[in-house]
């Protein structure tokens, strides 16, 4: 997959790299490697909830053009509180590129969004950085630290009655298959660690389980006899990241 992405990049490719020691340290701490890109070259993904005054931003674009939208942000308004930078450029609305939108079409899309919108935005400096290199800015590169949905790390120490949960393989919102947590027993280690029924497992002991089946995931969990660390996300967060990701592929990192 990595080779395919590099080949698909054409004549230029932007690589973010870590030396071996830094990679191992970040991995052991459960750091999101995608979030370690320098902040000054990253777009930002923001989730804005409307209040009685609106979303707290206005949109301007050069007359007669499409896809070029700059945002003016109301101080202390919903957009400002969600982390939308003043004067930034709008790249995506609810996971869809605005490149082909007219101002009228964008206004209609905003009205159809209801009370919540997710914006992929970039400052002028970030937009110029990618444009001069012929690179497309995508949500996969974005700073997601201001989004309302977070992954959770659960550390469980096995008790006399076990961990107190069941693992079930089921369909994901993305259309694939995932490993989900169910039958969380009251008072046992899983519940005490903050596990909720319906959480999807993303990683076990710091290693992604993407591509693993149910049996392989169970084996990972049992690899350490008396304790395990799980990275999980709840159903609302899982659905959110699927809906705003490019082609449904954006996922919170670990």
Protein backbone atom coordinates (compact mmCIF):
# COMPACT_ATOMS: atom_id res chain seq x y z
CA UNK A 1 0.00 0.00 0.00
CA UNK A 2 2.85 2.40 0.79
CA UNK A 3 4.52 1.67 -2.55
CA UNK A 4 1.22 2.25 -4.36
CA UNK A 5 0.76 5.62 -2.64
CA UNK A 6 4.29 6.69 -3.59
CA UNK A 7 3.82 5.62 -7.21
CA UNK A 8 0.46 7.43 -7.35
CA UNK A 9 2.12 10.68 -6.21
CA UNK A 10 3.58 11.41 -9.64
CA UNK A 11 6.84 13.36 -9.82
CA UNK A 12 6.82 14.60 -6.21
CA UNK A 13 6.15 13.00 -2.86
CA UNK A 14 6.11 14.40 0.68
CA UNK A 15 7.49 11.99 3.28
CA UNK A 16 7.39 12.41 7.05
CA UNK A 17 10.13 10.32 8.63
CA UNK A 18 11.43 9.50 12.11
CA UNK A 19 14.75 8.00 13.12
CA UNK A 20 14.56 4.51 14.61
CA UNK A 21 14.88 5.53 18.26
CA UNK A 22 12.20 8.24 17.96
CA UNK A 23 9.86 5.82 16.21
CA UNK A 24 10.23 3.16 18.91
CA UNK A 25 9.74 5.76 21.66
CA UNK A 26 6.61 7.18 20.01
CA UNK A 27 5.20 3.71 19.42
CA UNK A 28 5.78 2.61 23.01
CA UNK A 29 3.99 5.73 24.26
CA UNK A 30 1.03 5.15 21.95
CA UNK A 31 1.68 8.41 20.09
CA UNK A 32 -0.25 9.19 16.92
CA UNK A 33 2.57 9.32 14.36
CA UNK A 34 0.50 11.35 11.88
CA UNK A 35 0.16 14.05 14.54
CA UNK A 36 3.95 14.43 14.75
CA UNK A 37 4.21 16.34 11.47
CA UNK A 38 5.37 19.95 11.97
CA UNK A 39 2.28 22.04 12.78
CA UNK A 40 3.23 24.76 10.30
CA UNK A 41 2.74 22.43 7.29
CA UNK A 42 -0.48 20.74 8.40
CA UNK A 43 -4.08 21.54 7.51
CA UNK A 44 -6.63 21.44 10.31
CA UNK A 45 -9.81 19.41 10.70
CA UNK A 46 -12.46 21.22 12.77
CA UNK A 47 -15.96 20.15 13.84
CA UNK A 48 -18.26 23.15 14.34
CA UNK A 49 -21.61 23.07 16.15
CA UNK A 50 -24.02 25.87 15.34
CA UNK A 51 -25.42 28.06 18.11
CA UNK A 52 -28.25 30.62 17.94
CA UNK A 53 -25.97 33.03 16.06
CA UNK A 54 -24.93 30.46 13.44
CA UNK A 55 -21.63 28.68 12.81
CA UNK A 56 -19.56 31.77 13.57
CA UNK A 57 -17.86 32.20 10.20
CA UNK A 58 -18.55 33.82 6.85
CA UNK A 59 -17.28 32.81 3.43
CA UNK A 60 -15.83 34.99 0.68
CA UNK A 61 -14.51 34.10 -2.76
CA UNK A 62 -13.33 35.97 -5.85
CA UNK A 63 -16.25 36.83 -8.12
CA UNK A 64 -16.87 34.32 -10.89
CA UNK A 65 -14.56 31.65 -9.48
CA UNK A 66 -15.17 28.19 -8.05
CA UNK A 67 -13.53 26.34 -5.20
CA UNK A 68 -11.61 29.26 -3.66
CA UNK A 69 -13.18 30.11 -0.31
CA UNK A 70 -11.67 32.12 2.52
CA UNK A 71 -13.23 32.12 5.99
CA UNK A 72 -13.70 35.10 8.27
CA UNK A 73 -14.11 33.83 11.82
CA UNK A 74 -16.16 35.51 14.54
CA UNK A 75 -14.12 35.86 17.72
CA UNK A 76 -15.39 33.54 20.49
CA UNK A 77 -18.01 32.13 18.10
CA UNK A 78 -18.57 28.39 17.43
CA UNK A 79 -15.95 28.21 14.66
CA UNK A 80 -13.36 30.03 16.76
CA UNK A 81 -13.99 27.69 19.70
CA UNK A 82 -13.66 24.70 17.36
CA UNK A 83 -10.19 25.87 16.30
CA UNK A 84 -10.91 27.35 12.85
CA UNK A 85 -8.09 29.87 12.18
CA UNK A 86 -9.09 33.37 10.98
CA UNK A 87 -8.45 33.93 7.28
CA UNK A 88 -7.96 30.25 6.49
CA UNK A 89 -8.94 28.57 3.23
CA UNK A 90 -11.71 25.99 3.08
CA UNK A 91 -10.69 22.74 1.36
CA UNK A 92 -13.37 20.22 2.34
CA UNK A 93 -16.85 20.35 3.82
CA UNK A 94 -18.08 17.21 5.61
CA UNK A 95 -15.46 15.08 3.86
CA UNK A 96 -16.17 16.40 0.34
CA UNK A 97 -13.82 18.64 -1.63
CA UNK A 98 -15.18 22.14 -2.33
CA UNK A 99 -12.94 22.57 -5.39
CA UNK A 100 -15.85 22.42 -7.85
CA UNK A 101 -18.35 24.40 -5.72
CA UNK A 102 -19.63 27.84 -6.55
CA UNK A 103 -20.40 30.20 -3.67
CA UNK A 104 -24.11 29.42 -4.08
CA UNK A 105 -23.50 25.67 -4.00
CA UNK A 106 -21.35 25.97 -0.88
CA UNK A 107 -24.01 28.05 0.86
CA UNK A 108 -26.60 25.40 0.01
CA UNK A 109 -24.36 22.61 1.33
CA UNK A 110 -23.84 24.48 4.60
CA UNK A 111 -27.60 24.91 5.06
CA UNK A 112 -28.13 21.20 4.36
CA UNK A 113 -25.58 20.27 7.04
CA UNK A 114 -27.97 20.99 9.89
CA UNK A 115 -26.39 22.04 13.17
CA UNK A 116 -22.93 20.53 12.68
CA UNK A 117 -20.25 20.80 10.00
CA UNK A 118 -16.75 19.38 9.66
CA UNK A 119 -14.26 21.62 7.87
CA UNK A 120 -10.84 20.85 6.46
CA UNK A 121 -9.03 24.19 6.42
CA UNK A 122 -5.52 25.46 5.78
CA UNK A 123 -3.74 28.72 6.44
CA UNK A 124 -2.33 30.65 3.50
CA UNK A 125 1.17 29.39 4.36
CA UNK A 126 0.05 25.73 4.45
CA UNK A 127 -1.95 26.08 1.23
CA UNK A 128 1.06 27.65 -0.51
CA UNK A 129 3.43 24.95 0.81
CA UNK A 130 1.45 22.18 -0.88
CA UNK A 131 0.49 24.15 -3.99
CA UNK A 132 4.10 25.03 -4.85
CA UNK A 133 5.02 21.35 -4.60
CA UNK A 134 2.06 20.21 -6.66
CA UNK A 135 0.69 18.21 -3.72
CA UNK A 136 -2.94 17.78 -2.72
CA UNK A 137 -3.93 18.67 0.83
CA UNK A 138 -5.99 15.86 2.34
CA UNK A 139 -7.67 15.12 5.65
CA UNK A 140 -5.17 12.31 6.25
CA UNK A 141 -2.50 14.99 6.84
CA UNK A 142 -4.64 17.10 9.14
CA UNK A 143 -4.22 18.12 12.74
CA UNK A 144 -7.19 16.37 14.40
CA UNK A 145 -6.44 17.40 17.99
CA UNK A 146 -9.45 19.74 18.13
CA UNK A 147 -12.02 17.17 17.06
CA UNK A 148 -14.64 16.16 19.65
CA UNK A 149 -14.12 12.41 19.24
CA UNK A 150 -11.03 10.85 20.78
CA UNK A 151 -9.62 7.38 20.95
CA UNK A 152 -9.26 6.00 24.47
CA UNK A 153 -6.50 3.89 25.94
CA UNK A 154 -7.68 1.27 28.42
CA UNK A 155 -5.23 -0.58 30.65
CA UNK A 156 -6.71 -3.74 32.15
CA UNK A 157 -5.23 -5.96 34.84
CA UNK A 158 -6.91 -9.36 34.94
CA UNK A 159 -8.82 -10.20 38.11
CA UNK A 160 -9.88 -13.58 39.55
CA UNK A 161 -12.93 -13.56 37.25
CA UNK A 162 -10.95 -12.43 34.19
CA UNK A 163 -11.15 -9.10 32.37
CA UNK A 164 -14.94 -9.04 32.19
CA UNK A 165 -15.73 -8.51 28.49
CA UNK A 166 -16.37 -10.39 25.26
CA UNK A 167 -14.83 -9.66 21.86
CA UNK A 168 -17.09 -9.90 18.82
CA UNK A 169 -16.27 -9.58 15.12
CA UNK A 170 -18.78 -7.45 13.23
CA UNK A 171 -19.20 -5.06 10.30
CA UNK A 172 -17.67 -1.57 10.59
CA UNK A 173 -19.30 1.65 9.40
CA UNK A 174 -16.57 1.78 6.73
CA UNK A 175 -17.86 -1.46 5.20
CA UNK A 176 -15.01 -3.62 6.49
CA UNK A 177 -14.88 -5.93 9.49
CA UNK A 178 -13.79 -4.91 12.98
CA UNK A 179 -13.41 -6.25 16.51
CA UNK A 180 -15.97 -4.91 18.99
CA UNK A 181 -16.32 -5.08 22.77
CA UNK A 182 -19.54 -6.41 24.30
CA UNK A 183 -20.99 -7.85 27.51
CA UNK A 184 -18.91 -5.60 29.76
CA UNK A 185 -19.42 -6.96 33.28
CA UNK A 186 -20.21 -4.50 36.06
CA UNK A 187 -17.44 -4.14 38.63
CA UNK A 188 -14.81 -6.12 36.73
CA UNK A 189 -11.52 -4.71 35.31
CA UNK A 190 -12.92 -3.85 31.85
CA UNK A 191 -15.68 -1.62 33.22
CA UNK A 192 -13.35 -0.12 35.82
CA UNK A 193 -10.91 0.82 33.04
CA UNK A 194 -13.67 2.70 31.17
CA UNK A 195 -14.70 0.13 28.57
CA UNK A 196 -18.13 0.66 26.99
CA UNK A 197 -20.23 -1.81 25.06
CA UNK A 198 -19.89 -1.24 21.32
CA UNK A 199 -16.35 0.18 21.48
CA UNK A 200 -14.21 -0.89 18.52
CA UNK A 201 -10.67 -2.07 19.19
CA UNK A 202 -8.00 -0.23 17.17
CA UNK A 203 -4.81 -1.53 18.77
CA UNK A 204 -3.64 -4.09 21.32
CA UNK A 205 -0.55 -3.39 23.43
CA UNK A 206 0.45 -0.52 21.14
CA UNK A 207 0.14 -2.45 17.87
CA UNK A 208 -2.61 -1.87 15.30
CA UNK A 209 -4.97 -4.79 14.69
CA UNK A 210 -5.92 -3.56 11.22
CA UNK A 211 -6.19 -6.61 8.97
CA UNK A 212 -6.34 -9.10 11.85
CA UNK A 213 -9.28 -11.47 12.22
CA UNK A 214 -11.05 -12.38 15.47
CA UNK A 215 -8.76 -15.28 16.37
CA UNK A 216 -5.59 -13.26 15.75
CA UNK A 217 -6.90 -10.38 17.87
CA UNK A 218 -7.77 -12.72 20.74
CA UNK A 219 -4.25 -14.15 20.52
CA UNK A 220 -2.81 -10.62 20.83
CA UNK A 221 -4.96 -9.92 23.89
CA UNK A 222 -3.89 -13.17 25.56
CA UNK A 223 -0.19 -12.68 24.75
CA UNK A 224 0.37 -11.11 28.17
CA UNK A 225 -1.11 -13.34 30.82
CA UNK A 226 -2.40 -10.87 33.39
CA UNK A 227 -2.74 -7.48 31.68
CA UNK A 228 -3.51 -5.83 28.36
CA UNK A 229 -3.69 -2.31 26.93
CA UNK A 230 -6.40 -1.60 24.35
CA UNK A 231 -6.89 1.44 22.16
CA UNK A 232 -10.61 1.85 21.41
CA UNK A 233 -13.12 4.26 19.92
CA UNK A 234 -16.85 4.47 20.59
CA UNK A 235 -19.49 4.01 17.83
CA UNK A 236 -20.17 7.75 17.43
CA UNK A 237 -16.47 8.50 16.96
CA UNK A 238 -16.03 5.56 14.60
CA UNK A 239 -18.89 6.77 12.42
CA UNK A 240 -17.59 10.34 12.52
CA UNK A 241 -14.09 9.48 11.30
CA UNK A 242 -15.52 7.30 8.56
CA UNK A 243 -17.82 10.09 7.36
CA UNK A 244 -15.13 12.78 7.12
CA UNK A 245 -12.25 10.67 5.84
CA UNK A 246 -11.18 10.66 2.20
CA UNK A 247 -13.08 7.70 0.80
CA UNK A 248 -13.96 6.75 4.36
CA UNK A 249 -10.35 6.04 5.28
CA UNK A 250 -9.58 8.67 7.88
CA UNK A 251 -9.07 7.09 11.26
CA UNK A 252 -7.80 8.48 14.52
CA UNK A 253 -4.16 7.54 14.91
CA UNK A 254 -2.50 5.66 17.72
